[in-house]
Amino acid sequence: MARQAQRYNLTVNDVNAILEVQGHVCALCSQGPQGDEVRSYWHIDHDHNCCLSQDWTCGRCIRGLLCLGCNSRGVAWYERLPRDRQDWQRMNDYLANPPAHRCLETRQFRVFLR
């Protein structure tokens, strides 16, 4: 997780703070890792419209920690729907007030110049 966190301009402490805000479960489906899958369970969700680089993000676009299904199929699928079909309240709440924004709002992110 440390390498993934670094790619997203986060520290391990940032990741732990997000998990704490989320209650150590996926922010969308409320499921948590089982047994030894903890290490590979969490996927960092971020707004793809914010940072165009495939190598790193600014950190401000981080929304939360999700399980693989919610990150790769849930959010990605939902954001492609037409606005009038985006009626899943839990997803709308997550996108409007992401857990990461609640705990990282005062964090100063490094700026990468390329």
PDB file of N, CA and C in Angstrom:
ATOM      1  N   MET A   1       0.823  -1.198   0.000  1.00  0.00           N
ATOM      2  CA  MET A   1       0.000   0.000   0.000  1.00  0.00           C
ATOM      3  C   MET A   1       0.859   1.251   0.000  1.00  0.00           C
ATOM      4  N   ALA A   2       2.048   1.178   0.580  1.00  0.00           N
ATOM      5  CA  ALA A   2       2.924   2.354   0.651  1.00  0.00           C
ATOM      6  C   ALA A   2       3.299   2.845  -0.746  1.00  0.00           C
ATOM      7  N   ARG A   3       3.605   1.932  -1.658  1.00  0.00           N
ATOM      8  CA  ARG A   3       3.960   2.324  -3.029  1.00  0.00           C
ATOM      9  C   ARG A   3       2.761   2.947  -3.742  1.00  0.00           C
ATOM     10  N   GLN A   4       1.599   2.345  -3.582  1.00  0.00           N
ATOM     11  CA  GLN A   4       0.389   2.887  -4.196  1.00  0.00           C
ATOM     12  C   GLN A   4       0.078   4.267  -3.605  1.00  0.00           C
ATOM     13  N   ALA A   5       0.217   4.409  -2.312  1.00  0.00           N
ATOM     14  CA  ALA A   5      -0.029   5.696  -1.658  1.00  0.00           C
ATOM     15  C   ALA A   5       0.910   6.762  -2.202  1.00  0.00           C
ATOM     16  N   GLN A   6       2.174   6.426  -2.363  1.00  0.00           N
ATOM     17  CA  GLN A   6       3.146   7.384  -2.877  1.00  0.00           C
ATOM     18  C   GLN A   6       2.770   7.845  -4.280  1.00  0.00           C
ATOM     19  N   ARG A   7       2.309   6.932  -5.108  1.00  0.00           N
ATOM     20  CA  ARG A   7       1.887   7.274  -6.475  1.00  0.00           C
ATOM     21  C   ARG A   7       0.739   8.285  -6.452  1.00  0.00           C
ATOM     22  N   TYR A   8      -0.089   8.201  -5.422  1.00  0.00           N
ATOM     23  CA  TYR A   8      -1.233   9.102  -5.300  1.00  0.00           C
ATOM     24  C   TYR A   8      -0.943  10.289  -4.389  1.00  0.00           C
ATOM     25  N   ASN A   9       0.350  10.529  -4.130  1.00  0.00           N
ATOM     26  CA  ASN A   9       0.781  11.692  -3.355  1.00  0.00           C
ATOM     27  C   ASN A   9       0.249  11.652  -1.925  1.00  0.00           C
ATOM     28  N   LEU A  10       0.167  10.443  -1.362  1.00  0.00           N
ATOM     29  CA  LEU A  10      -0.316  10.241   0.003  1.00  0.00           C
ATOM     30  C   LEU A  10       0.763   9.571   0.841  1.00  0.00           C
ATOM     31  N   THR A  11       0.682   9.750   2.127  1.00  0.00           N
ATOM     32  CA  THR A  11       1.539   9.020   3.055  1.00  0.00           C
ATOM     33  C   THR A  11       0.739   7.841   3.601  1.00  0.00           C
ATOM     34  N   VAL A  12       1.417   6.929   4.244  1.00  0.00           N
ATOM     35  CA  VAL A  12       0.726   5.811   4.892  1.00  0.00           C
ATOM     36  C   VAL A  12      -0.208   6.360   5.977  1.00  0.00           C
ATOM     37  N   ASN A  13       0.208   7.415   6.659  1.00  0.00           N
ATOM     38  CA  ASN A  13      -0.661   8.046   7.672  1.00  0.00           C
ATOM     39  C   ASN A  13      -1.930   8.609   7.037  1.00  0.00           C
ATOM     40  N   ASP A  14      -1.817   9.173   5.831  1.00  0.00           N
ATOM     41  CA  ASP A  14      -3.006   9.662   5.114  1.00  0.00           C
ATOM     42  C   ASP A  14      -3.974   8.518   4.831  1.00  0.00           C
ATOM     43  N   VAL A  15      -3.428   7.405   4.358  1.00  0.00           N
ATOM     44  CA  VAL A  15      -4.253   6.232   4.046  1.00  0.00           C
ATOM     45  C   VAL A  15      -4.949   5.738   5.315  1.00  0.00           C
ATOM     46  N   ASN A  16      -4.207   5.678   6.415  1.00  0.00           N
ATOM     47  CA  ASN A  16      -4.806   5.234   7.675  1.00  0.00           C
ATOM     48  C   ASN A  16      -5.886   6.207   8.150  1.00  0.00           C
ATOM     49  N   ALA A  17      -5.696   7.495   7.932  1.00  0.00           N
ATOM     50  CA  ALA A  17      -6.710   8.487   8.315  1.00  0.00           C
ATOM     51  C   ALA A  17      -7.985   8.306   7.485  1.00  0.00           C
ATOM     52  N   ILE A  18      -7.822   8.036   6.205  1.00  0.00           N
ATOM     53  CA  ILE A  18      -8.998   7.792   5.348  1.00  0.00           C
ATOM     54  C   ILE A  18      -9.729   6.546   5.822  1.00  0.00           C
ATOM     55  N   LEU A  19      -8.978   5.471   6.095  1.00  0.00           N
ATOM     56  CA  LEU A  19      -9.598   4.243   6.593  1.00  0.00           C
ATOM     57  C   LEU A  19     -10.357   4.485   7.887  1.00  0.00           C
ATOM     58  N   GLU A  20      -9.799   5.293   8.757  1.00  0.00           N
ATOM     59  CA  GLU A  20     -10.452   5.600  10.038  1.00  0.00           C
ATOM     60  C   GLU A  20     -11.789   6.309   9.790  1.00  0.00           C
ATOM     61  N   VAL A  21     -11.798   7.288   8.905  1.00  0.00           N
ATOM     62  CA  VAL A  21     -13.035   8.018   8.585  1.00  0.00           C
ATOM     63  C   VAL A  21     -14.077   7.067   7.997  1.00  0.00           C
ATOM     64  N   GLN A  22     -13.630   6.104   7.204  1.00  0.00           N
ATOM     65  CA  GLN A  22     -14.534   5.148   6.562  1.00  0.00           C
ATOM     66  C   GLN A  22     -14.922   3.995   7.478  1.00  0.00           C
ATOM     67  N   GLY A  23     -14.393   3.918   8.668  1.00  0.00           N
ATOM     68  CA  GLY A  23     -14.682   2.807   9.567  1.00  0.00           C
ATOM     69  C   GLY A  23     -14.014   1.512   9.150  1.00  0.00           C
ATOM     70  N   HIS A  24     -12.907   1.599   8.416  1.00  0.00           N
ATOM     71  CA  HIS A  24     -12.129   0.448   7.956  1.00  0.00           C
ATOM     72  C   HIS A  24     -12.922  -0.476   7.041  1.00  0.00           C
ATOM     73  N   VAL A  25     -13.882   0.095   6.309  1.00  0.00           N
ATOM     74  CA  VAL A  25     -14.644  -0.658   5.308  1.00  0.00           C
ATOM     75  C   VAL A  25     -14.669   0.142   4.011  1.00  0.00           C
ATOM     76  N   CYS A  26     -15.030  -0.500   2.928  1.00  0.00           N
ATOM     77  CA  CYS A  26     -15.171   0.164   1.639  1.00  0.00           C
ATOM     78  C   CYS A  26     -16.211   1.277   1.786  1.00  0.00           C
ATOM     79  N   ALA A  27     -15.915   2.441   1.268  1.00  0.00           N
ATOM     80  CA  ALA A  27     -16.796   3.597   1.410  1.00  0.00           C
ATOM     81  C   ALA A  27     -18.121   3.427   0.668  1.00  0.00           C
ATOM     82  N   LEU A  28     -18.211   2.476  -0.248  1.00  0.00           N
ATOM     83  CA  LEU A  28     -19.460   2.279  -0.982  1.00  0.00           C
ATOM     84  C   LEU A  28     -20.236   1.045  -0.547  1.00  0.00           C
ATOM     85  N   CYS A  29     -19.592  -0.104  -0.505  1.00  0.00           N
ATOM     86  CA  CYS A  29     -20.333  -1.340  -0.200  1.00  0.00           C
ATOM     87  C   CYS A  29     -20.266  -1.739   1.268  1.00  0.00           C
ATOM     88  N   SER A  30     -19.463  -1.028   2.055  1.00  0.00           N
ATOM     89  CA  SER A  30     -19.304  -1.282   3.493  1.00  0.00           C
ATOM     90  C   SER A  30     -18.721  -2.650   3.822  1.00  0.00           C
ATOM     91  N   GLN A  31     -18.034  -3.265   2.868  1.00  0.00           N
ATOM     92  CA  GLN A  31     -17.364  -4.536   3.125  1.00  0.00           C
ATOM     93  C   GLN A  31     -15.909  -4.252   3.462  1.00  0.00           C
ATOM     94  N   GLY A  32     -15.316  -5.135   4.229  1.00  0.00           N
ATOM     95  CA  GLY A  32     -13.908  -5.008   4.583  1.00  0.00           C
ATOM     96  C   GLY A  32     -13.142  -6.239   4.166  1.00  0.00           C
ATOM     97  N   PRO A  33     -11.835  -6.169   4.264  1.00  0.00           N
ATOM     98  CA  PRO A  33     -11.011  -7.317   3.882  1.00  0.00           C
ATOM     99  C   PRO A  33     -11.230  -8.495   4.829  1.00  0.00           C
ATOM    100  N   GLN A  34     -11.062  -9.678   4.290  1.00  0.00           N
ATOM    101  CA  GLN A  34     -11.216 -10.902   5.065  1.00  0.00           C
ATOM    102  C   GLN A  34      -9.872 -11.605   5.145  1.00  0.00           C
ATOM    103  N   GLY A  35      -9.450 -11.953   6.334  1.00  0.00           N
ATOM    104  CA  GLY A  35      -8.221 -12.720   6.515  1.00  0.00           C
ATOM    105  C   GLY A  35      -6.976 -12.016   6.017  1.00  0.00           C
ATOM    106  N   ASP A  36      -6.243 -12.700   5.122  1.00  0.00           N
ATOM    107  CA  ASP A  36      -4.957 -12.173   4.669  1.00  0.00           C
ATOM    108  C   ASP A  36      -5.056 -11.292   3.427  1.00  0.00           C
ATOM    109  N   GLU A  37      -6.243 -10.929   2.998  1.00  0.00           N
ATOM    110  CA  GLU A  37      -6.376 -10.093   1.802  1.00  0.00           C
ATOM    111  C   GLU A  37      -6.233  -8.595   2.094  1.00  0.00           C
ATOM    112  N   VAL A  38      -5.941  -8.224   3.326  1.00  0.00           N
ATOM    113  CA  VAL A  38      -5.833  -6.815   3.717  1.00  0.00           C
ATOM    114  C   VAL A  38      -4.846  -6.068   2.830  1.00  0.00           C
ATOM    115  N   ARG A  39      -3.718  -6.670   2.580  1.00  0.00           N
ATOM    116  CA  ARG A  39      -2.647  -5.997   1.850  1.00  0.00           C
ATOM    117  C   ARG A  39      -3.064  -5.577   0.443  1.00  0.00           C
ATOM    118  N   SER A  40      -3.838  -6.380  -0.257  1.00  0.00           N
ATOM    119  CA  SER A  40      -4.206  -6.077  -1.639  1.00  0.00           C
ATOM    120  C   SER A  40      -5.662  -5.638  -1.778  1.00  0.00           C
ATOM    121  N   TYR A  41      -6.342  -5.459  -0.686  1.00  0.00           N
ATOM    122  CA  TYR A  41      -7.783  -5.176  -0.741  1.00  0.00           C
ATOM    123  C   TYR A  41      -8.096  -3.751  -1.175  1.00  0.00           C
ATOM    124  N   TRP A  42      -7.382  -2.783  -0.637  1.00  0.00           N
ATOM    125  CA  TRP A  42      -7.742  -1.389  -0.826  1.00  0.00           C
ATOM    126  C   TRP A  42      -7.217  -0.821  -2.135  1.00  0.00           C
ATOM    127  N   HIS A  43      -8.092  -0.067  -2.800  1.00  0.00           N
ATOM    128  CA  HIS A  43      -7.745   0.634  -4.031  1.00  0.00           C
ATOM    129  C   HIS A  43      -8.070   2.108  -3.816  1.00  0.00           C
ATOM    130  N   ILE A  44      -7.129   2.954  -4.165  1.00  0.00           N
ATOM    131  CA  ILE A  44      -7.306   4.392  -3.961  1.00  0.00           C
ATOM    132  C   ILE A  44      -8.140   4.949  -5.104  1.00  0.00           C
ATOM    133  N   ASP A  45      -9.284   5.500  -4.752  1.00  0.00           N
ATOM    134  CA  ASP A  45     -10.174   6.103  -5.751  1.00  0.00           C
ATOM    135  C   ASP A  45      -9.855   7.587  -5.861  1.00  0.00           C
ATOM    136  N   HIS A  46      -9.731   8.055  -7.092  1.00  0.00           N
ATOM    137  CA  HIS A  46      -9.499   9.479  -7.321  1.00  0.00           C
ATOM    138  C   HIS A  46     -10.279   9.936  -8.542  1.00  0.00           C
ATOM    139  N   ASP A  47     -10.484  11.212  -8.627  1.00  0.00           N
ATOM    140  CA  ASP A  47     -11.217  11.814  -9.744  1.00  0.00           C
ATOM    141  C   ASP A  47     -10.287  11.883 -10.948  1.00  0.00           C
ATOM    142  N   HIS A  48     -10.572  11.093 -11.965  1.00  0.00           N
ATOM    143  CA  HIS A  48      -9.730  11.040 -13.161  1.00  0.00           C
ATOM    144  C   HIS A  48      -9.763  12.330 -13.964  1.00  0.00           C
ATOM    145  N   ASN A  49     -10.742  13.171 -13.733  1.00  0.00           N
ATOM    146  CA  ASN A  49     -10.819  14.446 -14.445  1.00  0.00           C
ATOM    147  C   ASN A  49      -9.859  15.483 -13.879  1.00  0.00           C
ATOM    148  N   CYS A  50      -9.289  15.213 -12.715  1.00  0.00           N
ATOM    149  CA  CYS A  50      -8.404  16.176 -12.059  1.00  0.00           C
ATOM    150  C   CYS A  50      -6.998  16.125 -12.630  1.00  0.00           C
ATOM    151  N   CYS A  51      -6.392  14.979 -12.608  1.00  0.00           N
ATOM    152  CA  CYS A  51      -4.990  14.834 -13.025  1.00  0.00           C
ATOM    153  C   CYS A  51      -4.918  13.995 -14.288  1.00  0.00           C
ATOM    154  N   LEU A  52      -4.230  14.505 -15.260  1.00  0.00           N
ATOM    155  CA  LEU A  52      -4.145  13.800 -16.540  1.00  0.00           C
ATOM    156  C   LEU A  52      -2.973  12.837 -16.617  1.00  0.00           C
ATOM    157  N   SER A  53      -2.066  12.899 -15.670  1.00  0.00           N
ATOM    158  CA  SER A  53      -0.904  12.016 -15.675  1.00  0.00           C
ATOM    159  C   SER A  53      -1.317  10.604 -15.273  1.00  0.00           C
ATOM    160  N   GLN A  54      -0.715   9.631 -15.916  1.00  0.00           N
ATOM    161  CA  GLN A  54      -0.927   8.233 -15.543  1.00  0.00           C
ATOM    162  C   GLN A  54       0.065   7.796 -14.467  1.00  0.00           C
ATOM    163  N   ASP A  55       1.090   8.613 -14.210  1.00  0.00           N
ATOM    164  CA  ASP A  55       2.161   8.238 -13.297  1.00  0.00           C
ATOM    165  C   ASP A  55       1.941   8.693 -11.863  1.00  0.00           C
ATOM    166  N   TRP A  56       1.176   9.764 -11.636  1.00  0.00           N
ATOM    167  CA  TRP A  56       0.981  10.297 -10.297  1.00  0.00           C
ATOM    168  C   TRP A  56      -0.256  11.185 -10.282  1.00  0.00           C
ATOM    169  N   THR A  57      -0.734  11.506  -9.105  1.00  0.00           N
ATOM    170  CA  THR A  57      -1.840  12.451  -8.966  1.00  0.00           C
ATOM    171  C   THR A  57      -1.413  13.557  -8.011  1.00  0.00           C
ATOM    172  N   CYS A  58      -2.176  14.622  -8.023  1.00  0.00           N
ATOM    173  CA  CYS A  58      -1.838  15.765  -7.164  1.00  0.00           C
ATOM    174  C   CYS A  58      -2.157  15.477  -5.698  1.00  0.00           C
ATOM    175  N   GLY A  59      -3.027  14.527  -5.430  1.00  0.00           N
ATOM    176  CA  GLY A  59      -3.427  14.210  -4.060  1.00  0.00           C
ATOM    177  C   GLY A  59      -4.750  14.847  -3.687  1.00  0.00           C
ATOM    178  N   ARG A  60      -5.060  15.996  -4.267  1.00  0.00           N
ATOM    179  CA  ARG A  60      -6.319  16.674  -3.943  1.00  0.00           C
ATOM    180  C   ARG A  60      -7.530  15.960  -4.548  1.00  0.00           C
ATOM    181  N   CYS A  61      -7.292  15.143  -5.556  1.00  0.00           N
ATOM    182  CA  CYS A  61      -8.390  14.459  -6.239  1.00  0.00           C
ATOM    183  C   CYS A  61      -8.735  13.108  -5.600  1.00  0.00           C
ATOM    184  N   ILE A  62      -8.037  12.720  -4.545  1.00  0.00           N
ATOM    185  CA  ILE A  62      -8.313  11.450  -3.864  1.00  0.00           C
ATOM    186  C   ILE A  62      -9.680  11.539  -3.198  1.00  0.00           C
ATOM    187  N   ARG A  63     -10.506  10.518  -3.410  1.00  0.00           N
ATOM    188  CA  ARG A  63     -11.848  10.517  -2.821  1.00  0.00           C
ATOM    189  C   ARG A  63     -11.966   9.546  -1.662  1.00  0.00           C
ATOM    190  N   GLY A  64     -11.369   8.373  -1.769  1.00  0.00           N
ATOM    191  CA  GLY A  64     -11.493   7.397  -0.695  1.00  0.00           C
ATOM    192  C   GLY A  64     -10.807   6.094  -1.046  1.00  0.00           C
ATOM    193  N   LEU A  65     -10.996   5.111  -0.183  1.00  0.00           N
ATOM    194  CA  LEU A  65     -10.458   3.776  -0.389  1.00  0.00           C
ATOM    195  C   LEU A  65     -11.620   2.831  -0.642  1.00  0.00           C
ATOM    196  N   LEU A  66     -11.531   2.112  -1.745  1.00  0.00           N
ATOM    197  CA  LEU A  66     -12.616   1.224  -2.164  1.00  0.00           C
ATOM    198  C   LEU A  66     -12.081  -0.174  -2.402  1.00  0.00           C
ATOM    199  N   CYS A  67     -12.982  -1.137  -2.375  1.00  0.00           N
ATOM    200  CA  CYS A  67     -12.621  -2.495  -2.772  1.00  0.00           C
ATOM    201  C   CYS A  67     -12.464  -2.497  -4.299  1.00  0.00           C
ATOM    202  N   LEU A  68     -11.893  -3.542  -4.845  1.00  0.00           N
ATOM    203  CA  LEU A  68     -11.655  -3.619  -6.288  1.00  0.00           C
ATOM    204  C   LEU A  68     -12.938  -3.438  -7.094  1.00  0.00           C
ATOM    205  N   GLY A  69     -13.988  -4.143  -6.714  1.00  0.00           N
ATOM    206  CA  GLY A  69     -15.235  -4.064  -7.467  1.00  0.00           C
ATOM    207  C   GLY A  69     -15.827  -2.667  -7.489  1.00  0.00           C
ATOM    208  N   CYS A  70     -15.883  -2.030  -6.342  1.00  0.00           N
ATOM    209  CA  CYS A  70     -16.450  -0.678  -6.276  1.00  0.00           C
ATOM    210  C   CYS A  70     -15.581   0.327  -7.010  1.00  0.00           C
ATOM    211  N   ASN A  71     -14.262   0.138  -6.968  1.00  0.00           N
ATOM    212  CA  ASN A  71     -13.367   1.079  -7.629  1.00  0.00           C
ATOM    213  C   ASN A  71     -13.380   0.899  -9.143  1.00  0.00           C
ATOM    214  N   SER A  72     -13.217  -0.315  -9.605  1.00  0.00           N
ATOM    215  CA  SER A  72     -13.066  -0.529 -11.043  1.00  0.00           C
ATOM    216  C   SER A  72     -14.383  -0.642 -11.794  1.00  0.00           C
ATOM    217  N   ARG A  73     -15.410  -1.159 -11.152  1.00  0.00           N
ATOM    218  CA  ARG A  73     -16.682  -1.309 -11.851  1.00  0.00           C
ATOM    219  C   ARG A  73     -17.751  -0.352 -11.338  1.00  0.00           C
ATOM    220  N   GLY A  74     -17.785  -0.114 -10.052  1.00  0.00           N
ATOM    221  CA  GLY A  74     -18.831   0.730  -9.486  1.00  0.00           C
ATOM    222  C   GLY A  74     -18.722   2.188  -9.864  1.00  0.00           C
ATOM    223  N   VAL A  75     -17.657   2.849  -9.435  1.00  0.00           N
ATOM    224  CA  VAL A  75     -17.496   4.284  -9.680  1.00  0.00           C
ATOM    225  C   VAL A  75     -17.311   4.553 -11.169  1.00  0.00           C
ATOM    226  N   ALA A  76     -16.462   3.776 -11.824  1.00  0.00           N
ATOM    227  CA  ALA A  76     -16.194   3.988 -13.248  1.00  0.00           C
ATOM    228  C   ALA A  76     -17.484   3.869 -14.065  1.00  0.00           C
ATOM    229  N   TRP A  77     -18.281   2.863 -13.788  1.00  0.00           N
ATOM    230  CA  TRP A  77     -19.544   2.661 -14.493  1.00  0.00           C
ATOM    231  C   TRP A  77     -20.510   3.808 -14.208  1.00  0.00           C
ATOM    232  N   TYR A  78     -20.634   4.166 -12.950  1.00  0.00           N
ATOM    233  CA  TYR A  78     -21.602   5.183 -12.529  1.00  0.00           C
ATOM    234  C   TYR A  78     -21.287   6.548 -13.140  1.00  0.00           C
ATOM    235  N   GLU A  79     -20.032   6.906 -13.168  1.00  0.00           N
ATOM    236  CA  GLU A  79     -19.663   8.218 -13.703  1.00  0.00           C
ATOM    237  C   GLU A  79     -19.884   8.327 -15.209  1.00  0.00           C
ATOM    238  N   ARG A  80     -19.982   7.204 -15.901  1.00  0.00           N
ATOM    239  CA  ARG A  80     -20.259   7.225 -17.340  1.00  0.00           C
ATOM    240  C   ARG A  80     -21.748   7.302 -17.661  1.00  0.00           C
ATOM    241  N   LEU A  81     -22.590   7.081 -16.658  1.00  0.00           N
ATOM    242  CA  LEU A  81     -24.036   7.167 -16.880  1.00  0.00           C
ATOM    243  C   LEU A  81     -24.451   8.602 -17.192  1.00  0.00           C
ATOM    244  N   PRO A  82     -25.526   8.791 -17.968  1.00  0.00           N
ATOM    245  CA  PRO A  82     -26.062  10.140 -18.153  1.00  0.00           C
ATOM    246  C   PRO A  82     -26.524  10.694 -16.798  1.00  0.00           C
ATOM    247  N   ARG A  83     -26.420  11.989 -16.613  1.00  0.00           N
ATOM    248  CA  ARG A  83     -26.773  12.635 -15.337  1.00  0.00           C
ATOM    249  C   ARG A  83     -28.158  12.219 -14.834  1.00  0.00           C
ATOM    250  N   ASP A  84     -29.127  12.121 -15.711  1.00  0.00           N
ATOM    251  CA  ASP A  84     -30.494  11.798 -15.287  1.00  0.00           C
ATOM    252  C   ASP A  84     -30.640  10.353 -14.796  1.00  0.00           C
ATOM    253  N   ARG A  85     -29.629   9.526 -15.035  1.00  0.00           N
ATOM    254  CA  ARG A  85     -29.665   8.142 -14.568  1.00  0.00           C
ATOM    255  C   ARG A  85     -28.811   7.926 -13.327  1.00  0.00           C
ATOM    256  N   GLN A  86     -28.102   8.949 -12.880  1.00  0.00           N
ATOM    257  CA  GLN A  86     -27.247   8.846 -11.698  1.00  0.00           C
ATOM    258  C   GLN A  86     -28.086   9.112 -10.451  1.00  0.00           C
ATOM    259  N   ASP A  87     -28.843   8.074 -10.057  1.00  0.00           N
ATOM    260  CA  ASP A  87     -29.797   8.241  -8.959  1.00  0.00           C
ATOM    261  C   ASP A  87     -29.518   7.343  -7.750  1.00  0.00           C
ATOM    262  N   TRP A  88     -28.316   6.824  -7.658  1.00  0.00           N
ATOM    263  CA  TRP A  88     -27.934   5.996  -6.515  1.00  0.00           C
ATOM    264  C   TRP A  88     -27.457   6.937  -5.419  1.00  0.00           C
ATOM    265  N   GLN A  89     -28.257   7.112  -4.374  1.00  0.00           N
ATOM    266  CA  GLN A  89     -27.993   8.103  -3.343  1.00  0.00           C
ATOM    267  C   GLN A  89     -26.673   7.876  -2.622  1.00  0.00           C
ATOM    268  N   ARG A  90     -26.359   6.627  -2.315  1.00  0.00           N
ATOM    269  CA  ARG A  90     -25.101   6.354  -1.609  1.00  0.00           C
ATOM    270  C   ARG A  90     -23.895   6.789  -2.443  1.00  0.00           C
ATOM    271  N   MET A  91     -23.927   6.517  -3.734  1.00  0.00           N
ATOM    272  CA  MET A  91     -22.841   6.930  -4.619  1.00  0.00           C
ATOM    273  C   MET A  91     -22.804   8.452  -4.733  1.00  0.00           C
ATOM    274  N   ASN A  92     -23.944   9.072  -4.863  1.00  0.00           N
ATOM    275  CA  ASN A  92     -23.995  10.533  -4.954  1.00  0.00           C
ATOM    276  C   ASN A  92     -23.441  11.183  -3.689  1.00  0.00           C
ATOM    277  N   ASP A  93     -23.758  10.619  -2.530  1.00  0.00           N
ATOM    278  CA  ASP A  93     -23.217  11.141  -1.263  1.00  0.00           C
ATOM    279  C   ASP A  93     -21.708  10.981  -1.226  1.00  0.00           C
ATOM    280  N   TYR A  94     -21.212   9.825  -1.662  1.00  0.00           N
ATOM    281  CA  TYR A  94     -19.775   9.562  -1.688  1.00  0.00           C
ATOM    282  C   TYR A  94     -19.058  10.564  -2.598  1.00  0.00           C
ATOM    283  N   LEU A  95     -19.601  10.790  -3.789  1.00  0.00           N
ATOM    284  CA  LEU A  95     -18.960  11.698  -4.735  1.00  0.00           C
ATOM    285  C   LEU A  95     -19.046  13.158  -4.281  1.00  0.00           C
ATOM    286  N   ALA A  96     -20.120  13.522  -3.607  1.00  0.00           N
ATOM    287  CA  ALA A  96     -20.297  14.905  -3.148  1.00  0.00           C
ATOM    288  C   ALA A  96     -19.446  15.226  -1.920  1.00  0.00           C
ATOM    289  N   ASN A  97     -19.238  14.233  -1.059  1.00  0.00           N
ATOM    290  CA  ASN A  97     -18.496  14.459   0.179  1.00  0.00           C
ATOM    291  C   ASN A  97     -17.586  13.257   0.454  1.00  0.00           C
ATOM    292  N   PRO A  98     -16.525  13.111  -0.349  1.00  0.00           N
ATOM    293  CA  PRO A  98     -15.652  11.942  -0.213  1.00  0.00           C
ATOM    294  C   PRO A  98     -14.957  11.874   1.143  1.00  0.00           C
ATOM    295  N   PRO A  99     -14.768  10.672   1.666  1.00  0.00           N
ATOM    296  CA  PRO A  99     -14.101  10.504   2.961  1.00  0.00           C
ATOM    297  C   PRO A  99     -12.719  11.156   3.002  1.00  0.00           C
ATOM    298  N   ALA A 100     -11.963  11.057   1.936  1.00  0.00           N
ATOM    299  CA  ALA A 100     -10.615  11.636   1.923  1.00  0.00           C
ATOM    300  C   ALA A 100     -10.654  13.149   2.095  1.00  0.00           C
ATOM    301  N   HIS A 101     -11.645  13.788   1.546  1.00  0.00           N
ATOM    302  CA  HIS A 101     -11.744  15.242   1.682  1.00  0.00           C
ATOM    303  C   HIS A 101     -12.028  15.640   3.125  1.00  0.00           C
ATOM    304  N   ARG A 102     -12.717  14.787   3.841  1.00  0.00           N
ATOM    305  CA  ARG A 102     -13.035  15.095   5.235  1.00  0.00           C
ATOM    306  C   ARG A 102     -11.821  15.012   6.143  1.00  0.00           C
ATOM    307  N   CYS A 103     -10.847  14.179   5.812  1.00  0.00           N
ATOM    308  CA  CYS A 103      -9.696  14.037   6.710  1.00  0.00           C
ATOM    309  C   CYS A 103      -8.416  14.627   6.144  1.00  0.00           C
ATOM    310  N   LEU A 104      -8.387  14.973   4.882  1.00  0.00           N
ATOM    311  CA  LEU A 104      -7.172  15.515   4.281  1.00  0.00           C
ATOM    312  C   LEU A 104      -7.323  16.976   3.865  1.00  0.00           C
ATOM    313  N   GLU A 105      -8.419  17.617   4.262  1.00  0.00           N
ATOM    314  CA  GLU A 105      -8.698  18.963   3.765  1.00  0.00           C
ATOM    315  C   GLU A 105      -7.633  19.990   4.142  1.00  0.00           C
ATOM    316  N   THR A 106      -6.918  19.789   5.223  1.00  0.00           N
ATOM    317  CA  THR A 106      -5.889  20.744   5.624  1.00  0.00           C
ATOM    318  C   THR A 106      -4.494  20.303   5.185  1.00  0.00           C
ATOM    319  N   ARG A 107      -4.385  19.155   4.555  1.00  0.00           N
ATOM    320  CA  ARG A 107      -3.091  18.602   4.134  1.00  0.00           C
ATOM    321  C   ARG A 107      -2.501  19.433   3.004  1.00  0.00           C
ATOM    322  N   GLN A 108      -1.229  19.719   3.086  1.00  0.00           N
ATOM    323  CA  GLN A 108      -0.501  20.404   2.019  1.00  0.00           C
ATOM    324  C   GLN A 108       0.125  19.339   1.136  1.00  0.00           C
ATOM    325  N   PHE A 109      -0.250  19.308  -0.137  1.00  0.00           N
ATOM    326  CA  PHE A 109       0.273  18.310  -1.056  1.00  0.00           C
ATOM    327  C   PHE A 109       1.503  18.825  -1.786  1.00  0.00           C
ATOM    328  N   ARG A 110       2.429  17.921  -2.052  1.00  0.00           N
ATOM    329  CA  ARG A 110       3.598  18.279  -2.849  1.00  0.00           C
ATOM    330  C   ARG A 110       3.155  18.587  -4.271  1.00  0.00           C
ATOM    331  N   VAL A 111       3.791  19.506  -4.902  1.00  0.00           N
ATOM    332  CA  VAL A 111       3.505  19.838  -6.290  1.00  0.00           C
ATOM    333  C   VAL A 111       4.611  19.253  -7.152  1.00  0.00           C
ATOM    334  N   PHE A 112       4.219  18.486  -8.158  1.00  0.00           N
ATOM    335  CA  PHE A 112       5.200  17.887  -9.064  1.00  0.00           C
ATOM    336  C   PHE A 112       5.251  18.720 -10.334  1.00  0.00           C
ATOM    337  N   LEU A 113       6.427  19.101 -10.722  1.00  0.00           N
ATOM    338  CA  LEU A 113       6.608  19.837 -11.959  1.00  0.00           C
ATOM    339  C   LEU A 113       7.325  18.920 -12.943  1.00  0.00           C
ATOM    340  N   ARG A 114       6.776  18.792 -14.114  1.00  0.00           N
ATOM    341  CA  ARG A 114       7.397  17.908 -15.113  1.00  0.00           C
ATOM    342  C   ARG A 114       7.612  18.670 -16.387  1.00  0.00           C
TER     343      ARG A 114
END
